Amino acid sequence: MISKLPKWVEYGAFSLALVAGSVNAIALLGFEHQAVSHLSGTATLLGSALFDSSYKSLLHLAGILLSFVIGSTFSGFMLTDTSLKLGRFYDLLLTIEAFLLLGAMYFLLGNHPMGHYFASAACGLQNALVTTYSGAVIRTTHLTGIFTDLGIMIGGVLRGKAFDKRKALLFVIVVIGFVLGGALGAFLFHQISFYALLMPTCMCFFLAMLYRVYRMRLNG
């Protein structure tokens, strides 16, 4: 599957992992210390809150989960093309993600919980976008699957299986992008608070523009 992906995928995966890592770092530092780029921790908090928290807290955590699903659902509805093929709506979805991050910033600057939902929806949208394109090979909003796949690859090598260098390189690129995004997001949050979300927002706008230009040249 990885071998069928175009050469520019590494750049896109790094950029989107950078976006997700920065959003998640800002979330952990400012959204009541809750991650939004993946749902494992939020689901665990929701389970714990069933007995220890207020009704309001339960609704808030459930809202974050639902927002992620809504973002993923929107991507799934828009992306009707087969995996590994360029689609018409990737640039549109990246633009929508940028606006969702702007909405998150607006509400969070006003200390409104709606900001959490906008940020979670943006991450859900991005995760579904990349998953649909790559056939679930690449994930950019969390690293659990990436590290699992790397472990499986290493285990295969120990059994004498051939080592897929490109696949390993792609996974390492995603990890580096996510970690660097986290570092950049944390730095910016300490400097300018939730205005730090402008960085991943601009990244999404820029990637959308690049993708549109690429498709125009490819089709022209």
N, C-alpha and C. Protein backbone atom coordinates (compact mmCIF):
# COMPACT_ATOMS: atom_id res chain seq x y z
N MET A 1 0.83 -1.21 0.00
CA MET A 1 0.00 0.00 0.00
C MET A 1 0.86 1.26 0.00
N ILE A 2 1.88 1.29 0.87
CA ILE A 2 2.74 2.47 0.95
C ILE A 2 3.45 2.72 -0.38
N SER A 3 3.87 1.66 -1.03
CA SER A 3 4.61 1.81 -2.29
C SER A 3 3.76 2.45 -3.38
N LYS A 4 2.44 2.37 -3.26
CA LYS A 4 1.54 2.94 -4.26
C LYS A 4 1.28 4.43 -4.04
N LEU A 5 1.67 4.93 -2.88
CA LEU A 5 1.44 6.34 -2.57
C LEU A 5 2.43 7.21 -3.34
N PRO A 6 2.02 8.40 -3.79
CA PRO A 6 2.93 9.29 -4.51
C PRO A 6 4.04 9.81 -3.62
N LYS A 7 5.09 10.30 -4.26
CA LYS A 7 6.28 10.71 -3.52
C LYS A 7 6.03 11.89 -2.58
N TRP A 8 5.02 12.74 -2.92
CA TRP A 8 4.79 13.92 -2.09
C TRP A 8 4.06 13.61 -0.79
N VAL A 9 3.65 12.35 -0.61
CA VAL A 9 2.88 11.99 0.59
C VAL A 9 3.68 12.25 1.86
N GLU A 10 4.99 12.01 1.81
CA GLU A 10 5.82 12.24 3.01
C GLU A 10 5.73 13.70 3.47
N TYR A 11 5.73 14.63 2.52
CA TYR A 11 5.64 16.05 2.88
C TYR A 11 4.27 16.37 3.47
N GLY A 12 3.24 15.83 2.85
CA GLY A 12 1.89 16.06 3.37
C GLY A 12 1.69 15.45 4.74
N ALA A 13 2.19 14.23 4.94
CA ALA A 13 2.05 13.56 6.23
C ALA A 13 2.79 14.33 7.33
N PHE A 14 4.00 14.79 7.01
CA PHE A 14 4.75 15.58 7.99
C PHE A 14 3.99 16.86 8.36
N SER A 15 3.48 17.55 7.36
CA SER A 15 2.79 18.83 7.60
C SER A 15 1.53 18.63 8.43
N LEU A 16 0.75 17.61 8.10
CA LEU A 16 -0.49 17.38 8.83
C LEU A 16 -0.22 16.86 10.24
N ALA A 17 0.84 16.07 10.41
CA ALA A 17 1.22 15.64 11.75
C ALA A 17 1.67 16.84 12.58
N LEU A 18 2.36 17.78 11.94
CA LEU A 18 2.77 19.00 12.62
C LEU A 18 1.54 19.78 13.09
N VAL A 19 0.54 19.87 12.22
CA VAL A 19 -0.71 20.56 12.58
C VAL A 19 -1.36 19.88 13.78
N ALA A 20 -1.51 18.56 13.71
CA ALA A 20 -2.18 17.83 14.78
C ALA A 20 -1.40 17.90 16.08
N GLY A 21 -0.08 17.79 15.99
CA GLY A 21 0.74 17.86 17.20
C GLY A 21 0.64 19.20 17.89
N SER A 22 0.60 20.27 17.11
CA SER A 22 0.51 21.62 17.70
C SER A 22 -0.86 21.83 18.34
N VAL A 23 -1.93 21.39 17.65
CA VAL A 23 -3.28 21.53 18.21
C VAL A 23 -3.40 20.73 19.50
N ASN A 24 -2.85 19.53 19.50
CA ASN A 24 -2.95 18.68 20.70
C ASN A 24 -2.17 19.27 21.86
N ALA A 25 -1.00 19.85 21.58
CA ALA A 25 -0.22 20.47 22.65
C ALA A 25 -0.96 21.66 23.25
N ILE A 26 -1.56 22.48 22.39
CA ILE A 26 -2.34 23.62 22.87
C ILE A 26 -3.53 23.15 23.69
N ALA A 27 -4.13 22.02 23.24
CA ALA A 27 -5.25 21.45 23.98
C ALA A 27 -4.82 20.99 25.37
N LEU A 28 -3.71 20.28 25.43
CA LEU A 28 -3.25 19.76 26.72
C LEU A 28 -2.88 20.88 27.68
N LEU A 29 -2.37 21.98 27.15
CA LEU A 29 -1.97 23.09 27.99
C LEU A 29 -3.13 24.01 28.36
N GLY A 30 -4.12 24.09 27.48
CA GLY A 30 -5.16 25.08 27.71
C GLY A 30 -6.59 24.62 27.72
N PHE A 31 -6.91 23.42 27.20
CA PHE A 31 -8.29 22.96 27.15
C PHE A 31 -8.60 22.09 28.36
N GLU A 32 -8.35 22.58 29.54
CA GLU A 32 -8.53 21.78 30.76
C GLU A 32 -7.69 20.51 30.71
N HIS A 33 -6.53 20.62 30.05
CA HIS A 33 -5.56 19.52 29.96
C HIS A 33 -6.16 18.28 29.30
N GLN A 34 -6.97 18.49 28.26
CA GLN A 34 -7.58 17.38 27.53
C GLN A 34 -7.03 17.34 26.11
N ALA A 35 -6.67 16.14 25.66
CA ALA A 35 -6.24 15.97 24.27
C ALA A 35 -7.46 16.02 23.36
N VAL A 36 -7.25 16.49 22.13
CA VAL A 36 -8.36 16.51 21.17
C VAL A 36 -8.00 15.83 19.85
N SER A 37 -6.73 15.51 19.65
CA SER A 37 -6.35 14.90 18.37
C SER A 37 -6.62 13.40 18.35
N HIS A 38 -6.93 12.83 19.50
CA HIS A 38 -7.33 11.43 19.58
C HIS A 38 -8.29 11.29 20.76
N LEU A 39 -8.99 10.17 20.84
CA LEU A 39 -10.11 10.08 21.78
C LEU A 39 -9.90 9.09 22.93
N SER A 40 -8.79 8.38 22.96
CA SER A 40 -8.60 7.36 23.99
C SER A 40 -8.65 7.97 25.39
N GLY A 41 -7.88 9.06 25.58
CA GLY A 41 -7.86 9.70 26.90
C GLY A 41 -9.20 10.30 27.26
N THR A 42 -9.87 10.92 26.28
CA THR A 42 -11.17 11.53 26.54
C THR A 42 -12.20 10.48 26.89
N ALA A 43 -12.17 9.34 26.19
CA ALA A 43 -13.10 8.26 26.50
C ALA A 43 -12.85 7.70 27.90
N THR A 44 -11.57 7.62 28.29
CA THR A 44 -11.24 7.16 29.63
C THR A 44 -11.76 8.14 30.68
N LEU A 45 -11.58 9.44 30.42
CA LEU A 45 -12.09 10.45 31.34
C LEU A 45 -13.61 10.38 31.45
N LEU A 46 -14.26 10.11 30.32
CA LEU A 46 -15.72 10.00 30.32
C LEU A 46 -16.16 8.82 31.19
N GLY A 47 -15.46 7.69 31.05
CA GLY A 47 -15.78 6.54 31.88
C GLY A 47 -15.58 6.82 33.36
N SER A 48 -14.47 7.51 33.68
CA SER A 48 -14.21 7.86 35.08
C SER A 48 -15.23 8.84 35.61
N ALA A 49 -15.67 9.74 34.74
CA ALA A 49 -16.61 10.78 35.16
C ALA A 49 -18.01 10.26 35.44
N LEU A 50 -18.29 9.05 35.00
CA LEU A 50 -19.62 8.48 35.24
C LEU A 50 -19.95 8.40 36.73
N PHE A 51 -18.89 8.28 37.54
CA PHE A 51 -19.11 8.15 38.98
C PHE A 51 -18.56 9.31 39.79
N ASP A 52 -17.60 10.04 39.22
CA ASP A 52 -16.89 11.04 40.02
C ASP A 52 -17.16 12.49 39.63
N SER A 53 -17.85 12.73 38.52
CA SER A 53 -17.98 14.11 38.05
C SER A 53 -19.45 14.52 37.93
N SER A 54 -19.61 15.80 37.65
CA SER A 54 -20.95 16.35 37.53
C SER A 54 -21.57 16.02 36.18
N TYR A 55 -22.85 16.21 36.07
CA TYR A 55 -23.59 16.00 34.83
C TYR A 55 -23.04 16.91 33.73
N LYS A 56 -22.66 18.13 34.09
CA LYS A 56 -22.11 19.09 33.13
C LYS A 56 -20.80 18.59 32.54
N SER A 57 -19.94 18.02 33.38
CA SER A 57 -18.66 17.49 32.91
C SER A 57 -18.87 16.31 31.98
N LEU A 58 -19.83 15.46 32.30
CA LEU A 58 -20.14 14.32 31.45
C LEU A 58 -20.57 14.77 30.05
N LEU A 59 -21.44 15.77 30.01
CA LEU A 59 -21.92 16.29 28.73
C LEU A 59 -20.79 16.91 27.92
N HIS A 60 -19.88 17.58 28.62
CA HIS A 60 -18.76 18.23 27.94
C HIS A 60 -17.85 17.19 27.30
N LEU A 61 -17.50 16.15 28.03
CA LEU A 61 -16.64 15.10 27.49
C LEU A 61 -17.32 14.36 26.34
N ALA A 62 -18.61 14.09 26.51
CA ALA A 62 -19.36 13.44 25.43
C ALA A 62 -19.41 14.34 24.20
N GLY A 63 -19.48 15.66 24.42
CA GLY A 63 -19.50 16.61 23.30
C GLY A 63 -18.20 16.59 22.52
N ILE A 64 -17.07 16.42 23.21
CA ILE A 64 -15.77 16.34 22.53
C ILE A 64 -15.71 15.09 21.66
N LEU A 65 -16.19 13.96 22.21
CA LEU A 65 -16.21 12.72 21.44
C LEU A 65 -17.11 12.86 20.21
N LEU A 66 -18.29 13.41 20.43
CA LEU A 66 -19.25 13.56 19.33
C LEU A 66 -18.72 14.50 18.26
N SER A 67 -18.03 15.56 18.66
CA SER A 67 -17.48 16.52 17.71
C SER A 67 -16.45 15.87 16.80
N PHE A 68 -15.61 15.01 17.37
CA PHE A 68 -14.61 14.29 16.58
C PHE A 68 -15.30 13.42 15.53
N VAL A 69 -16.35 12.73 15.96
CA VAL A 69 -17.10 11.86 15.05
C VAL A 69 -17.78 12.68 13.95
N ILE A 70 -18.32 13.84 14.32
CA ILE A 70 -18.97 14.71 13.33
C ILE A 70 -17.96 15.16 12.27
N GLY A 71 -16.77 15.55 12.71
CA GLY A 71 -15.72 15.94 11.76
C GLY A 71 -15.34 14.80 10.84
N SER A 72 -15.21 13.59 11.41
CA SER A 72 -14.88 12.42 10.60
C SER A 72 -16.00 12.09 9.62
N THR A 73 -17.23 12.23 10.11
CA THR A 73 -18.40 11.93 9.27
C THR A 73 -18.44 12.86 8.06
N PHE A 74 -18.14 14.12 8.28
CA PHE A 74 -18.16 15.09 7.19
C PHE A 74 -17.13 14.73 6.14
N SER A 75 -15.93 14.34 6.58
CA SER A 75 -14.90 13.90 5.63
C SER A 75 -15.37 12.68 4.86
N GLY A 76 -15.94 11.72 5.58
CA GLY A 76 -16.40 10.50 4.93
C GLY A 76 -17.48 10.77 3.91
N PHE A 77 -18.32 11.77 4.17
CA PHE A 77 -19.39 12.12 3.23
C PHE A 77 -18.83 12.79 1.98
N MET A 78 -17.82 13.65 2.17
CA MET A 78 -17.27 14.42 1.06
C MET A 78 -16.34 13.59 0.19
N LEU A 79 -15.60 12.68 0.79
CA LEU A 79 -14.57 11.96 0.06
C LEU A 79 -15.15 10.68 -0.52
N THR A 80 -15.65 10.78 -1.72
CA THR A 80 -16.26 9.64 -2.38
C THR A 80 -15.28 8.90 -3.28
N ASP A 81 -14.07 9.44 -3.44
CA ASP A 81 -13.09 8.83 -4.33
C ASP A 81 -12.43 7.62 -3.69
N THR A 82 -11.91 6.75 -4.53
CA THR A 82 -11.23 5.56 -4.03
C THR A 82 -9.90 5.93 -3.38
N SER A 83 -9.49 5.11 -2.41
CA SER A 83 -8.20 5.34 -1.76
C SER A 83 -7.08 5.42 -2.79
N LEU A 84 -6.07 6.20 -2.47
CA LEU A 84 -4.87 6.37 -3.27
C LEU A 84 -5.09 7.16 -4.55
N LYS A 85 -6.25 7.79 -4.69
CA LYS A 85 -6.50 8.64 -5.83
C LYS A 85 -6.77 10.06 -5.36
N LEU A 86 -6.34 11.02 -6.15
CA LEU A 86 -6.58 12.41 -5.81
C LEU A 86 -8.07 12.71 -5.89
N GLY A 87 -8.57 13.40 -4.89
CA GLY A 87 -9.98 13.74 -4.86
C GLY A 87 -10.20 15.23 -5.06
N ARG A 88 -11.43 15.58 -5.33
CA ARG A 88 -11.75 16.98 -5.59
C ARG A 88 -11.82 17.81 -4.31
N PHE A 89 -12.04 17.16 -3.18
CA PHE A 89 -12.43 17.91 -1.99
C PHE A 89 -11.37 18.00 -0.91
N TYR A 90 -10.15 17.52 -1.16
CA TYR A 90 -9.13 17.61 -0.13
C TYR A 90 -8.80 19.06 0.22
N ASP A 91 -8.72 19.91 -0.79
CA ASP A 91 -8.43 21.31 -0.51
C ASP A 91 -9.59 21.97 0.23
N LEU A 92 -10.81 21.59 -0.12
CA LEU A 92 -11.98 22.14 0.57
C LEU A 92 -12.00 21.70 2.03
N LEU A 93 -11.71 20.44 2.27
CA LEU A 93 -11.71 19.94 3.65
C LEU A 93 -10.61 20.57 4.49
N LEU A 94 -9.45 20.79 3.90
CA LEU A 94 -8.38 21.48 4.63
C LEU A 94 -8.77 22.91 4.96
N THR A 95 -9.49 23.55 4.04
CA THR A 95 -9.97 24.91 4.31
C THR A 95 -11.00 24.91 5.43
N ILE A 96 -11.89 23.93 5.42
CA ILE A 96 -12.88 23.81 6.49
C ILE A 96 -12.19 23.55 7.83
N GLU A 97 -11.16 22.70 7.81
CA GLU A 97 -10.40 22.46 9.04
C GLU A 97 -9.80 23.76 9.58
N ALA A 98 -9.28 24.58 8.67
CA ALA A 98 -8.71 25.87 9.08
C ALA A 98 -9.77 26.75 9.75
N PHE A 99 -10.97 26.79 9.18
CA PHE A 99 -12.03 27.60 9.76
C PHE A 99 -12.50 27.04 11.10
N LEU A 100 -12.50 25.72 11.22
CA LEU A 100 -12.84 25.11 12.51
C LEU A 100 -11.82 25.51 13.59
N LEU A 101 -10.55 25.55 13.21
CA LEU A 101 -9.52 25.97 14.17
C LEU A 101 -9.66 27.45 14.52
N LEU A 102 -10.05 28.25 13.54
CA LEU A 102 -10.32 29.66 13.83
C LEU A 102 -11.49 29.80 14.80
N GLY A 103 -12.52 28.99 14.58
CA GLY A 103 -13.66 28.99 15.49
C GLY A 103 -13.25 28.56 16.89
N ALA A 104 -12.39 27.54 16.97
CA ALA A 104 -11.90 27.09 18.27
C ALA A 104 -11.15 28.21 18.98
N MET A 105 -10.30 28.90 18.25
CA MET A 105 -9.54 30.00 18.84
C MET A 105 -10.46 31.10 19.35
N TYR A 106 -11.46 31.45 18.53
CA TYR A 106 -12.39 32.52 18.91
C TYR A 106 -13.10 32.18 20.23
N PHE A 107 -13.63 30.99 20.33
CA PHE A 107 -14.38 30.62 21.53
C PHE A 107 -13.47 30.43 22.74
N LEU A 108 -12.28 29.87 22.52
CA LEU A 108 -11.37 29.64 23.64
C LEU A 108 -10.82 30.94 24.21
N LEU A 109 -10.62 31.93 23.35
CA LEU A 109 -10.19 33.23 23.85
C LEU A 109 -11.26 33.86 24.74
N GLY A 110 -12.51 33.47 24.51
CA GLY A 110 -13.62 33.94 25.35
C GLY A 110 -13.94 32.96 26.46
N ASN A 111 -13.07 31.96 26.66
CA ASN A 111 -13.24 30.96 27.71
C ASN A 111 -14.56 30.20 27.56
N HIS A 112 -14.94 29.92 26.32
CA HIS A 112 -16.19 29.21 26.05
C HIS A 112 -15.87 27.77 25.65
N PRO A 113 -16.56 26.78 26.23
CA PRO A 113 -16.27 25.37 25.92
C PRO A 113 -16.53 24.97 24.48
N MET A 114 -17.27 25.77 23.72
CA MET A 114 -17.48 25.45 22.31
C MET A 114 -16.15 25.34 21.57
N GLY A 115 -15.13 26.02 22.06
CA GLY A 115 -13.82 25.94 21.43
C GLY A 115 -13.27 24.53 21.42
N HIS A 116 -13.56 23.76 22.48
CA HIS A 116 -13.09 22.38 22.54
C HIS A 116 -13.74 21.56 21.43
N TYR A 117 -15.02 21.80 21.20
CA TYR A 117 -15.75 21.03 20.20
C TYR A 117 -15.25 21.35 18.79
N PHE A 118 -14.99 22.61 18.53
CA PHE A 118 -14.48 23.01 17.21
C PHE A 118 -13.11 22.36 16.95
N ALA A 119 -12.25 22.38 17.96
CA ALA A 119 -10.91 21.79 17.79
C ALA A 119 -10.99 20.29 17.59
N SER A 120 -11.87 19.62 18.33
CA SER A 120 -12.03 18.18 18.19
C SER A 120 -12.59 17.83 16.82
N ALA A 121 -13.55 18.60 16.33
CA ALA A 121 -14.11 18.36 15.00
C ALA A 121 -13.05 18.53 13.92
N ALA A 122 -12.18 19.52 14.09
CA ALA A 122 -11.09 19.75 13.12
C ALA A 122 -10.17 18.53 13.06
N CYS A 123 -9.84 17.97 14.23
CA CYS A 123 -8.95 16.81 14.25
C CYS A 123 -9.64 15.58 13.67
N GLY A 124 -10.93 15.41 13.95
CA GLY A 124 -11.66 14.29 13.38
C GLY A 124 -11.72 14.37 11.87
N LEU A 125 -11.95 15.57 11.38
CA LEU A 125 -11.99 15.80 9.93
C LEU A 125 -10.65 15.44 9.30
N GLN A 126 -9.55 15.91 9.91
CA GLN A 126 -8.22 15.63 9.36
C GLN A 126 -7.90 14.15 9.41
N ASN A 127 -8.22 13.51 10.51
CA ASN A 127 -7.89 12.09 10.63
C ASN A 127 -8.62 11.26 9.58
N ALA A 128 -9.89 11.58 9.34
CA ALA A 128 -10.65 10.85 8.34
C ALA A 128 -10.15 11.16 6.94
N LEU A 129 -9.74 12.39 6.69
CA LEU A 129 -9.22 12.79 5.38
C LEU A 129 -8.00 11.94 5.03
N VAL A 130 -7.06 11.86 5.95
CA VAL A 130 -5.82 11.12 5.67
C VAL A 130 -6.09 9.62 5.61
N THR A 131 -6.93 9.12 6.50
CA THR A 131 -7.24 7.70 6.52
C THR A 131 -7.91 7.27 5.22
N THR A 132 -8.85 8.08 4.73
CA THR A 132 -9.54 7.76 3.49
C THR A 132 -8.58 7.74 2.31
N TYR A 133 -7.67 8.70 2.28
CA TYR A 133 -6.71 8.75 1.17
C TYR A 133 -5.75 7.58 1.21
N SER A 134 -5.23 7.26 2.39
CA SER A 134 -4.15 6.28 2.48
C SER A 134 -4.63 4.86 2.67
N GLY A 135 -5.95 4.67 2.79
CA GLY A 135 -6.46 3.33 3.06
C GLY A 135 -6.10 2.87 4.45
N ALA A 136 -6.12 3.79 5.41
CA ALA A 136 -5.86 3.52 6.84
C ALA A 136 -4.40 3.17 7.12
N VAL A 137 -3.51 3.45 6.17
CA VAL A 137 -2.08 3.18 6.38
C VAL A 137 -1.44 4.29 7.19
N ILE A 138 -1.84 5.54 6.93
CA ILE A 138 -1.24 6.70 7.59
C ILE A 138 -2.23 7.31 8.57
N ARG A 139 -1.74 7.68 9.73
CA ARG A 139 -2.53 8.42 10.70
C ARG A 139 -1.69 9.61 11.14
N THR A 140 -2.29 10.77 11.19
CA THR A 140 -1.50 11.96 11.52
C THR A 140 -1.93 12.64 12.81
N THR A 141 -3.07 12.25 13.38
CA THR A 141 -3.54 12.95 14.58
C THR A 141 -3.20 12.20 15.86
N HIS A 142 -2.63 11.02 15.75
CA HIS A 142 -2.18 10.28 16.94
C HIS A 142 -1.10 9.30 16.51
N LEU A 143 -0.33 8.81 17.49
CA LEU A 143 0.84 8.00 17.17
C LEU A 143 0.75 6.56 17.62
N THR A 144 -0.32 6.18 18.29
CA THR A 144 -0.44 4.81 18.81
C THR A 144 -0.33 3.79 17.67
N GLY A 145 -1.10 4.02 16.61
CA GLY A 145 -1.07 3.09 15.48
C GLY A 145 0.28 3.07 14.79
N ILE A 146 0.90 4.24 14.70
CA ILE A 146 2.22 4.34 14.06
C ILE A 146 3.25 3.51 14.82
N PHE A 147 3.30 3.67 16.14
CA PHE A 147 4.27 2.91 16.93
C PHE A 147 3.94 1.42 16.92
N THR A 148 2.65 1.09 16.88
CA THR A 148 2.26 -0.32 16.77
C THR A 148 2.76 -0.92 15.46
N ASP A 149 2.55 -0.19 14.38
CA ASP A 149 3.00 -0.67 13.07
C ASP A 149 4.51 -0.81 13.01
N LEU A 150 5.21 0.14 13.62
CA LEU A 150 6.68 0.04 13.65
C LEU A 150 7.11 -1.20 14.43
N GLY A 151 6.44 -1.47 15.54
CA GLY A 151 6.75 -2.67 16.32
C GLY A 151 6.51 -3.94 15.53
N ILE A 152 5.40 -3.97 14.79
CA ILE A 152 5.09 -5.13 13.95
C ILE A 152 6.16 -5.31 12.88
N MET A 153 6.61 -4.19 12.29
CA MET A 153 7.65 -4.27 11.27
C MET A 153 8.95 -4.83 11.84
N ILE A 154 9.32 -4.35 13.02
CA ILE A 154 10.56 -4.82 13.65
C ILE A 154 10.45 -6.31 13.97
N GLY A 155 9.26 -6.72 14.46
CA GLY A 155 9.05 -8.13 14.73
C GLY A 155 9.17 -8.97 13.48
N GLY A 156 8.66 -8.44 12.36
CA GLY A 156 8.77 -9.15 11.09
C GLY A 156 10.20 -9.30 10.64
N VAL A 157 10.98 -8.24 10.85
CA VAL A 157 12.40 -8.30 10.47
C VAL A 157 13.12 -9.36 11.29
N LEU A 158 12.79 -9.46 12.58
CA LEU A 158 13.42 -10.46 13.44
C LEU A 158 13.07 -11.88 12.99
N ARG A 159 11.93 -12.01 12.29
CA ARG A 159 11.54 -13.32 11.76
C ARG A 159 12.11 -13.56 10.36
N GLY A 160 12.88 -12.57 9.86
CA GLY A 160 13.49 -12.73 8.55
C GLY A 160 12.71 -12.10 7.42
N LYS A 161 11.66 -11.35 7.74
CA LYS A 161 10.86 -10.70 6.71
C LYS A 161 11.59 -9.47 6.17
N ALA A 162 11.39 -9.15 4.90
CA ALA A 162 12.04 -7.98 4.30
C ALA A 162 11.58 -6.70 4.98
N PHE A 163 12.49 -5.76 5.13
CA PHE A 163 12.20 -4.50 5.80
C PHE A 163 11.76 -3.46 4.77
N ASP A 164 10.57 -2.90 4.96
CA ASP A 164 10.02 -1.88 4.06
C ASP A 164 10.57 -0.51 4.48
N LYS A 165 11.62 -0.08 3.79
CA LYS A 165 12.29 1.15 4.18
C LYS A 165 11.40 2.37 4.02
N ARG A 166 10.65 2.41 2.92
CA ARG A 166 9.80 3.59 2.70
C ARG A 166 8.71 3.69 3.77
N LYS A 167 8.12 2.58 4.10
CA LYS A 167 7.07 2.57 5.12
C LYS A 167 7.62 3.04 6.46
N ALA A 168 8.78 2.52 6.82
CA ALA A 168 9.41 2.92 8.08
C ALA A 168 9.76 4.41 8.06
N LEU A 169 10.29 4.89 6.93
CA LEU A 169 10.64 6.30 6.82
C LEU A 169 9.40 7.18 6.97
N LEU A 170 8.31 6.78 6.34
CA LEU A 170 7.07 7.55 6.42
C LEU A 170 6.58 7.62 7.86
N PHE A 171 6.63 6.50 8.57
CA PHE A 171 6.19 6.49 9.97
C PHE A 171 7.07 7.39 10.83
N VAL A 172 8.39 7.33 10.60
CA VAL A 172 9.31 8.17 11.37
C VAL A 172 9.04 9.65 11.08
N ILE A 173 8.76 9.98 9.83
CA ILE A 173 8.44 11.36 9.46
C ILE A 173 7.20 11.85 10.19
N VAL A 174 6.18 11.00 10.28
CA VAL A 174 4.95 11.38 11.00
C VAL A 174 5.25 11.63 12.48
N VAL A 175 6.04 10.74 13.07
CA VAL A 175 6.40 10.91 14.50
C VAL A 175 7.15 12.22 14.71
N ILE A 176 8.13 12.49 13.85
CA ILE A 176 8.91 13.73 13.98
C ILE A 176 8.00 14.94 13.81
N GLY A 177 7.12 14.90 12.82
CA GLY A 177 6.20 16.02 12.59
C GLY A 177 5.30 16.26 13.79
N PHE A 178 4.77 15.20 14.37
CA PHE A 178 3.87 15.34 15.51
C PHE A 178 4.61 15.91 16.72
N VAL A 179 5.81 15.40 16.98
CA VAL A 179 6.60 15.87 18.12
C VAL A 179 7.01 17.33 17.94
N LEU A 180 7.48 17.67 16.74
CA LEU A 180 7.85 19.06 16.48
C LEU A 180 6.64 19.99 16.57
N GLY A 181 5.50 19.51 16.07
CA GLY A 181 4.27 20.30 16.20
C GLY A 181 3.91 20.53 17.65
N GLY A 182 4.07 19.49 18.47
CA GLY A 182 3.80 19.64 19.90
C GLY A 182 4.71 20.66 20.55
N ALA A 183 5.99 20.62 20.18
CA ALA A 183 6.95 21.57 20.74
C ALA A 183 6.61 23.00 20.31
N LEU A 184 6.29 23.16 19.03
CA LEU A 184 5.96 24.49 18.51
C LEU A 184 4.66 25.01 19.11
N GLY A 185 3.66 24.12 19.21
CA GLY A 185 2.39 24.52 19.80
C GLY A 185 2.54 24.95 21.25
N ALA A 186 3.34 24.21 22.01
CA ALA A 186 3.57 24.54 23.42
C ALA A 186 4.29 25.87 23.55
N PHE A 187 5.31 26.07 22.71
CA PHE A 187 6.05 27.33 22.76
C PHE A 187 5.14 28.52 22.46
N LEU A 188 4.36 28.40 21.40
CA LEU A 188 3.48 29.50 21.01
C LEU A 188 2.38 29.74 22.05
N PHE A 189 1.88 28.67 22.66
CA PHE A 189 0.84 28.86 23.68
C PHE A 189 1.37 29.66 24.87
N HIS A 190 2.60 29.37 25.26
CA HIS A 190 3.19 30.10 26.39
C HIS A 190 3.45 31.56 26.02
N GLN A 191 3.59 31.83 24.72
CA GLN A 191 3.87 33.20 24.29
C GLN A 191 2.59 34.01 24.03
N ILE A 192 1.61 33.38 23.37
CA ILE A 192 0.45 34.15 22.90
C ILE A 192 -0.89 33.47 23.22
N SER A 193 -0.87 32.52 24.14
CA SER A 193 -2.11 31.84 24.56
C SER A 193 -2.79 31.17 23.36
N PHE A 194 -4.10 31.27 23.28
CA PHE A 194 -4.83 30.54 22.24
C PHE A 194 -4.65 31.12 20.84
N TYR A 195 -4.03 32.27 20.74
CA TYR A 195 -3.67 32.78 19.42
C TYR A 195 -2.67 31.84 18.73
N ALA A 196 -2.10 30.93 19.52
CA ALA A 196 -1.18 29.93 18.95
C ALA A 196 -1.87 29.07 17.90
N LEU A 197 -3.19 28.97 17.95
CA LEU A 197 -3.92 28.19 16.96
C LEU A 197 -3.86 28.81 15.56
N LEU A 198 -3.40 30.05 15.48
CA LEU A 198 -3.23 30.66 14.16
C LEU A 198 -2.18 29.92 13.34
N MET A 199 -1.21 29.34 14.00
CA MET A 199 -0.16 28.62 13.28
C MET A 199 -0.72 27.40 12.53
N PRO A 200 -1.40 26.45 13.21
CA PRO A 200 -1.96 25.33 12.45
C PRO A 200 -3.06 25.76 11.47
N THR A 201 -3.76 26.85 11.80
CA THR A 201 -4.77 27.37 10.88
C THR A 201 -4.13 27.80 9.56
N CYS A 202 -3.06 28.56 9.65
CA CYS A 202 -2.36 29.02 8.45
C CYS A 202 -1.76 27.85 7.68
N MET A 203 -1.29 26.84 8.41
CA MET A 203 -0.75 25.64 7.76
C MET A 203 -1.83 24.96 6.91
N CYS A 204 -3.04 24.86 7.45
CA CYS A 204 -4.13 24.21 6.70
C CYS A 204 -4.50 25.01 5.46
N PHE A 205 -4.58 26.34 5.60
CA PHE A 205 -4.86 27.18 4.44
C PHE A 205 -3.77 27.02 3.37
N PHE A 206 -2.52 26.99 3.80
CA PHE A 206 -1.40 26.87 2.88
C PHE A 206 -1.41 25.52 2.17
N LEU A 207 -1.68 24.44 2.91
CA LEU A 207 -1.73 23.11 2.30
C LEU A 207 -2.89 23.00 1.31
N ALA A 208 -4.01 23.62 1.66
CA ALA A 208 -5.16 23.62 0.75
C ALA A 208 -4.82 24.31 -0.56
N MET A 209 -4.12 25.44 -0.46
CA MET A 209 -3.73 26.18 -1.65
C MET A 209 -2.74 25.37 -2.49
N LEU A 210 -1.76 24.75 -1.84
CA LEU A 210 -0.78 23.94 -2.56
C LEU A 210 -1.46 22.78 -3.29
N TYR A 211 -2.39 22.16 -2.60
CA TYR A 211 -3.07 21.01 -3.20
C TYR A 211 -3.88 21.43 -4.43
N ARG A 212 -4.55 22.56 -4.31
CA ARG A 212 -5.35 23.03 -5.45
C ARG A 212 -4.45 23.35 -6.65
N VAL A 213 -3.33 24.01 -6.40
CA VAL A 213 -2.40 24.32 -7.48
C VAL A 213 -1.86 23.03 -8.10
N TYR A 214 -1.54 22.06 -7.26
CA TYR A 214 -1.02 20.79 -7.74
C TYR A 214 -2.02 20.09 -8.65
N ARG A 215 -3.28 20.07 -8.23
CA ARG A 215 -4.31 19.40 -9.04
C ARG A 215 -4.54 20.14 -10.36
N MET A 216 -4.50 21.48 -10.31
CA MET A 216 -4.70 22.26 -11.53
C MET A 216 -3.59 21.95 -12.53
N ARG A 217 -2.36 21.87 -12.06
CA ARG A 217 -1.23 21.58 -12.94
C ARG A 217 -1.31 20.14 -13.45
N LEU A 218 -1.77 19.24 -12.59
CA LEU A 218 -1.86 17.85 -12.97
C LEU A 218 -2.92 17.64 -14.04
N ASN A 219 -4.02 18.37 -13.91
CA ASN A 219 -5.13 18.24 -14.86
C ASN A 219 -4.97 19.13 -16.09
N GLY A 220 -4.04 20.12 -15.99
CA GLY A 220 -3.88 21.04 -17.09
C GLY A 220 -2.90 20.54 -18.11
